[in-house]
């Protein structure tokens, strides 16, 4: 979808999950990106914060710290070949209603959940020992910190996210 938004209808973006970059012959290597159409869809959801936390994903030994939070669901949705590339509307609605989105890193040094929380106007929470390569420019909390929802941090995160992780904006910023 990101390629179509810039007028490219052939080929696919190749994702390097280990360094959080994407490649296409039209764009070269760019940071991980999300389609603007997905962001517009998520913007339509109610962002009234009715719950403190929401997480849905695989809970491994490394991610056991998640279990202390309410609304944590063990799920293999993103690992299932039949659902992996479909948009889980309920996931994004639930995330949009949460103040905080736990975003543990897994096998790679960054997490889609970090950006999904930001997209849904939630503040990401990283594990105390997690190192997300994209977190340095964003407001987030560590697991052991006090979590206080801050709408200004949310708005700033969203602005940074859309400028740096939407393909169309990345290309404009880099004069590509």
C-alpha atoms as a PDB file:
ATOM      1  CA  UNK A   1       0.000   0.000   0.000  1.00  0.00           C
ATOM      2  CA  UNK A   2       2.864   2.400   0.765  1.00  0.00           C
ATOM      3  CA  UNK A   3       4.224   1.957  -2.761  1.00  0.00           C
ATOM      4  CA  UNK A   4       0.827   2.557  -4.355  1.00  0.00           C
ATOM      5  CA  UNK A   5       0.520   5.786  -2.372  1.00  0.00           C
ATOM      6  CA  UNK A   6       3.610   7.086  -4.195  1.00  0.00           C
ATOM      7  CA  UNK A   7       2.433   5.847  -7.597  1.00  0.00           C
ATOM      8  CA  UNK A   8       4.429   2.593  -7.746  1.00  0.00           C
ATOM      9  CA  UNK A   9       2.353  -0.427  -8.733  1.00  0.00           C
ATOM     10  CA  UNK A  10       5.041  -3.010  -9.484  1.00  0.00           C
ATOM     11  CA  UNK A  11       7.113  -4.884  -6.949  1.00  0.00           C
ATOM     12  CA  UNK A  12       6.966  -5.128  -3.208  1.00  0.00           C
ATOM     13  CA  UNK A  13       8.832  -3.472  -0.406  1.00  0.00           C
ATOM     14  CA  UNK A  14      11.397  -5.849   1.077  1.00  0.00           C
ATOM     15  CA  UNK A  15      11.689  -5.562   4.842  1.00  0.00           C
ATOM     16  CA  UNK A  16      14.892  -6.190   6.740  1.00  0.00           C
ATOM     17  CA  UNK A  17      13.509  -7.010  10.175  1.00  0.00           C
ATOM     18  CA  UNK A  18      16.956  -7.062  11.756  1.00  0.00           C
ATOM     19  CA  UNK A  19      17.762  -3.422  11.126  1.00  0.00           C
ATOM     20  CA  UNK A  20      14.243  -2.045  10.693  1.00  0.00           C
ATOM     21  CA  UNK A  21      14.588  -0.883   7.105  1.00  0.00           C
ATOM     22  CA  UNK A  22      12.658  -1.340   3.858  1.00  0.00           C
ATOM     23  CA  UNK A  23      13.919  -1.457   0.279  1.00  0.00           C
ATOM     24  CA  UNK A  24      12.454  -0.950  -3.158  1.00  0.00           C
ATOM     25  CA  UNK A  25      14.304   0.061  -6.319  1.00  0.00           C
ATOM     26  CA  UNK A  26      12.264   3.301  -6.412  1.00  0.00           C
ATOM     27  CA  UNK A  27      13.043   4.274  -2.814  1.00  0.00           C
ATOM     28  CA  UNK A  28      16.296   2.579  -1.865  1.00  0.00           C
ATOM     29  CA  UNK A  29      16.722   1.751   1.821  1.00  0.00           C
ATOM     30  CA  UNK A  30      14.377   3.696   4.109  1.00  0.00           C
ATOM     31  CA  UNK A  31      13.268   3.291   7.739  1.00  0.00           C
ATOM     32  CA  UNK A  32      10.385   0.918   8.411  1.00  0.00           C
ATOM     33  CA  UNK A  33       7.260   2.569   7.044  1.00  0.00           C
ATOM     34  CA  UNK A  34       3.499   2.363   7.261  1.00  0.00           C
ATOM     35  CA  UNK A  35       0.926   3.210   4.588  1.00  0.00           C
ATOM     36  CA  UNK A  36      -0.886   6.500   5.085  1.00  0.00           C
ATOM     37  CA  UNK A  37      -4.150   4.725   4.222  1.00  0.00           C
ATOM     38  CA  UNK A  38      -3.675   2.525   7.306  1.00  0.00           C
ATOM     39  CA  UNK A  39      -3.064   5.588   9.466  1.00  0.00           C
ATOM     40  CA  UNK A  40      -6.197   7.274   8.067  1.00  0.00           C
ATOM     41  CA  UNK A  41      -8.203   4.152   8.898  1.00  0.00           C
ATOM     42  CA  UNK A  42      -6.905   4.054  12.478  1.00  0.00           C
ATOM     43  CA  UNK A  43      -7.590   7.801  12.861  1.00  0.00           C
ATOM     44  CA  UNK A  44     -11.310   7.047  12.454  1.00  0.00           C
ATOM     45  CA  UNK A  45     -11.398   4.919  15.612  1.00  0.00           C
ATOM     46  CA  UNK A  46     -12.577   6.348  18.902  1.00  0.00           C
ATOM     47  CA  UNK A  47      -9.493   7.306  20.926  1.00  0.00           C
ATOM     48  CA  UNK A  48     -11.345   7.870  24.171  1.00  0.00           C
ATOM     49  CA  UNK A  49      -9.120   6.153  26.711  1.00  0.00           C
ATOM     50  CA  UNK A  50     -11.326   3.617  28.486  1.00  0.00           C
ATOM     51  CA  UNK A  51      -8.558   1.253  29.588  1.00  0.00           C
ATOM     52  CA  UNK A  52      -5.028   1.654  30.845  1.00  0.00           C
ATOM     53  CA  UNK A  53      -3.206  -1.090  28.895  1.00  0.00           C
ATOM     54  CA  UNK A  54      -3.645  -3.238  25.820  1.00  0.00           C
ATOM     55  CA  UNK A  55      -1.376  -5.899  24.355  1.00  0.00           C
ATOM     56  CA  UNK A  56      -2.108  -8.740  21.991  1.00  0.00           C
ATOM     57  CA  UNK A  57       0.733 -10.901  20.763  1.00  0.00           C
ATOM     58  CA  UNK A  58       3.015 -13.777  21.533  1.00  0.00           C
ATOM     59  CA  UNK A  59       4.055 -13.920  25.183  1.00  0.00           C
ATOM     60  CA  UNK A  60       7.414 -15.639  25.389  1.00  0.00           C
ATOM     61  CA  UNK A  61       9.701 -16.173  28.379  1.00  0.00           C
ATOM     62  CA  UNK A  62      11.440 -12.881  27.513  1.00  0.00           C
ATOM     63  CA  UNK A  63       8.046 -11.146  27.556  1.00  0.00           C
ATOM     64  CA  UNK A  64       6.752 -12.510  30.874  1.00  0.00           C
ATOM     65  CA  UNK A  65       6.808  -8.988  32.297  1.00  0.00           C
ATOM     66  CA  UNK A  66       3.652  -8.318  30.249  1.00  0.00           C
ATOM     67  CA  UNK A  67       1.529 -10.678  32.333  1.00  0.00           C
ATOM     68  CA  UNK A  68       1.142  -8.213  35.193  1.00  0.00           C
ATOM     69  CA  UNK A  69      -0.851  -5.801  33.024  1.00  0.00           C
ATOM     70  CA  UNK A  70      -4.600  -6.036  32.428  1.00  0.00           C
ATOM     71  CA  UNK A  71      -5.836  -6.580  28.859  1.00  0.00           C
ATOM     72  CA  UNK A  72      -2.828  -8.665  27.835  1.00  0.00           C
ATOM     73  CA  UNK A  73      -3.763 -11.376  25.360  1.00  0.00           C
ATOM     74  CA  UNK A  74      -1.511 -14.169  24.144  1.00  0.00           C
ATOM     75  CA  UNK A  75      -2.094 -14.342  20.390  1.00  0.00           C
ATOM     76  CA  UNK A  76      -0.409 -15.766  17.309  1.00  0.00           C
ATOM     77  CA  UNK A  77      -2.457 -13.638  14.881  1.00  0.00           C
ATOM     78  CA  UNK A  78       0.635 -11.986  13.377  1.00  0.00           C
ATOM     79  CA  UNK A  79       2.444 -15.306  13.016  1.00  0.00           C
ATOM     80  CA  UNK A  80      -0.417 -17.126  11.313  1.00  0.00           C
ATOM     81  CA  UNK A  81       0.151 -17.247   7.522  1.00  0.00           C
ATOM     82  CA  UNK A  82      -3.585 -16.828   6.874  1.00  0.00           C
ATOM     83  CA  UNK A  83      -3.974 -13.675   8.998  1.00  0.00           C
ATOM     84  CA  UNK A  84      -0.454 -12.222   9.004  1.00  0.00           C
ATOM     85  CA  UNK A  85      -1.032  -9.672   6.248  1.00  0.00           C
ATOM     86  CA  UNK A  86      -4.613  -8.751   7.068  1.00  0.00           C
ATOM     87  CA  UNK A  87      -5.505  -5.727   9.128  1.00  0.00           C
ATOM     88  CA  UNK A  88      -6.871  -6.732  12.542  1.00  0.00           C
ATOM     89  CA  UNK A  89      -9.460  -3.994  13.042  1.00  0.00           C
ATOM     90  CA  UNK A  90     -10.292  -5.125  16.603  1.00  0.00           C
ATOM     91  CA  UNK A  91      -6.616  -4.950  17.571  1.00  0.00           C
ATOM     92  CA  UNK A  92      -6.386  -1.315  16.474  1.00  0.00           C
ATOM     93  CA  UNK A  93      -9.707  -0.388  18.089  1.00  0.00           C
ATOM     94  CA  UNK A  94      -8.569  -1.931  21.384  1.00  0.00           C
ATOM     95  CA  UNK A  95      -5.182  -0.215  21.179  1.00  0.00           C
ATOM     96  CA  UNK A  96      -6.906   3.107  20.425  1.00  0.00           C
ATOM     97  CA  UNK A  97      -8.903   2.818  23.649  1.00  0.00           C
ATOM     98  CA  UNK A  98      -5.780   2.210  25.777  1.00  0.00           C
ATOM     99  CA  UNK A  99      -3.541   4.805  27.384  1.00  0.00           C
ATOM    100  CA  UNK A 100      -0.501   2.544  27.104  1.00  0.00           C
ATOM    101  CA  UNK A 101       0.657  -0.074  24.646  1.00  0.00           C
ATOM    102  CA  UNK A 102       3.302  -2.484  25.902  1.00  0.00           C
ATOM    103  CA  UNK A 103       5.709  -2.911  22.981  1.00  0.00           C
ATOM    104  CA  UNK A 104       8.310  -5.554  23.798  1.00  0.00           C
ATOM    105  CA  UNK A 105      11.039  -6.215  21.305  1.00  0.00           C
ATOM    106  CA  UNK A 106      11.260  -9.803  20.156  1.00  0.00           C
ATOM    107  CA  UNK A 107      13.755 -11.357  17.789  1.00  0.00           C
ATOM    108  CA  UNK A 108      14.588  -7.974  16.258  1.00  0.00           C
ATOM    109  CA  UNK A 109      15.865  -4.736  17.815  1.00  0.00           C
ATOM    110  CA  UNK A 110      12.592  -2.871  17.188  1.00  0.00           C
ATOM    111  CA  UNK A 111       8.862  -3.549  17.352  1.00  0.00           C
ATOM    112  CA  UNK A 112       5.862  -2.872  15.130  1.00  0.00           C
ATOM    113  CA  UNK A 113       3.870  -2.540  18.367  1.00  0.00           C
ATOM    114  CA  UNK A 114       5.894   0.510  19.333  1.00  0.00           C
ATOM    115  CA  UNK A 115       4.634   2.296  16.218  1.00  0.00           C
ATOM    116  CA  UNK A 116       1.149   0.806  16.434  1.00  0.00           C
ATOM    117  CA  UNK A 117       0.758   2.230  19.947  1.00  0.00           C
ATOM    118  CA  UNK A 118       1.835   5.644  18.660  1.00  0.00           C
ATOM    119  CA  UNK A 119      -0.511   5.379  15.672  1.00  0.00           C
ATOM    120  CA  UNK A 120      -3.374   4.641  18.085  1.00  0.00           C
ATOM    121  CA  UNK A 121      -2.486   7.587  20.349  1.00  0.00           C
ATOM    122  CA  UNK A 122      -1.225   5.341  23.124  1.00  0.00           C
ATOM    123  CA  UNK A 123       2.140   5.657  24.813  1.00  0.00           C
ATOM    124  CA  UNK A 124       4.496   2.710  24.264  1.00  0.00           C
ATOM    125  CA  UNK A 125       5.994   0.770  27.154  1.00  0.00           C
ATOM    126  CA  UNK A 126       9.262  -1.066  26.665  1.00  0.00           C
ATOM    127  CA  UNK A 127      10.630  -3.753  28.931  1.00  0.00           C
ATOM    128  CA  UNK A 128      13.345  -2.566  31.283  1.00  0.00           C
ATOM    129  CA  UNK A 129      15.995  -4.396  29.253  1.00  0.00           C
ATOM    130  CA  UNK A 130      14.499  -3.831  25.795  1.00  0.00           C
ATOM    131  CA  UNK A 131      16.478  -1.748  23.335  1.00  0.00           C
ATOM    132  CA  UNK A 132      14.292  -0.555  20.473  1.00  0.00           C
ATOM    133  CA  UNK A 133      16.460   1.107  17.817  1.00  0.00           C
ATOM    134  CA  UNK A 134      13.690   3.578  16.980  1.00  0.00           C
ATOM    135  CA  UNK A 135      12.731   4.600  20.512  1.00  0.00           C
ATOM    136  CA  UNK A 136      15.288   7.367  21.011  1.00  0.00           C
ATOM    137  CA  UNK A 137      13.212  10.021  19.212  1.00  0.00           C
ATOM    138  CA  UNK A 138       9.949   9.184  20.958  1.00  0.00           C
ATOM    139  CA  UNK A 139       8.353   9.507  24.387  1.00  0.00           C
ATOM    140  CA  UNK A 140       7.822   6.106  25.997  1.00  0.00           C
ATOM    141  CA  UNK A 141       7.988   4.417  29.367  1.00  0.00           C
ATOM    142  CA  UNK A 142       9.944   1.513  30.765  1.00  0.00           C
ATOM    143  CA  UNK A 143       8.089  -1.280  32.500  1.00  0.00           C
ATOM    144  CA  UNK A 144       9.380  -0.307  35.957  1.00  0.00           C
ATOM    145  CA  UNK A 145       8.523   3.392  35.624  1.00  0.00           C
ATOM    146  CA  UNK A 146       5.323   5.102  36.713  1.00  0.00           C
ATOM    147  CA  UNK A 147       3.068   5.368  33.667  1.00  0.00           C
ATOM    148  CA  UNK A 148       1.311   8.710  33.343  1.00  0.00           C
ATOM    149  CA  UNK A 149      -0.662   9.449  30.189  1.00  0.00           C
ATOM    150  CA  UNK A 150       0.514  12.707  28.593  1.00  0.00           C
ATOM    151  CA  UNK A 151      -1.485  13.963  25.617  1.00  0.00           C
ATOM    152  CA  UNK A 152       1.313  16.325  24.529  1.00  0.00           C
ATOM    153  CA  UNK A 153       3.779  13.421  24.384  1.00  0.00           C
ATOM    154  CA  UNK A 154       1.194  11.448  22.392  1.00  0.00           C
ATOM    155  CA  UNK A 155       0.776  14.286  19.861  1.00  0.00           C
ATOM    156  CA  UNK A 156       4.531  14.769  19.540  1.00  0.00           C
ATOM    157  CA  UNK A 157       5.074  11.026  19.030  1.00  0.00           C
ATOM    158  CA  UNK A 158       2.398  11.002  16.329  1.00  0.00           C
ATOM    159  CA  UNK A 159       4.012  13.925  14.502  1.00  0.00           C
ATOM    160  CA  UNK A 160       7.480  12.314  14.599  1.00  0.00           C
ATOM    161  CA  UNK A 161       5.994   8.978  13.501  1.00  0.00           C
ATOM    162  CA  UNK A 162       4.140  10.357  10.485  1.00  0.00           C
ATOM    163  CA  UNK A 163       7.147  12.405   9.351  1.00  0.00           C
ATOM    164  CA  UNK A 164       9.651   9.564   9.645  1.00  0.00           C
ATOM    165  CA  UNK A 165       7.711   6.343   9.091  1.00  0.00           C
ATOM    166  CA  UNK A 166       5.269   7.112   6.253  1.00  0.00           C
ATOM    167  CA  UNK A 167       6.887   6.389   2.894  1.00  0.00           C
ATOM    168  CA  UNK A 168       5.516   9.454   1.112  1.00  0.00           C
ATOM    169  CA  UNK A 169       6.831  11.746   3.866  1.00  0.00           C
ATOM    170  CA  UNK A 170      10.197   9.960   4.026  1.00  0.00           C
ATOM    171  CA  UNK A 171      10.703  10.543   0.302  1.00  0.00           C
ATOM    172  CA  UNK A 172       9.715  14.213   0.525  1.00  0.00           C
ATOM    173  CA  UNK A 173      12.034  14.748   3.508  1.00  0.00           C
ATOM    174  CA  UNK A 174      14.941  13.076   1.681  1.00  0.00           C
ATOM    175  CA  UNK A 175      14.207  14.699  -1.710  1.00  0.00           C
ATOM    176  CA  UNK A 176      13.722  11.329  -3.395  1.00  0.00           C
END
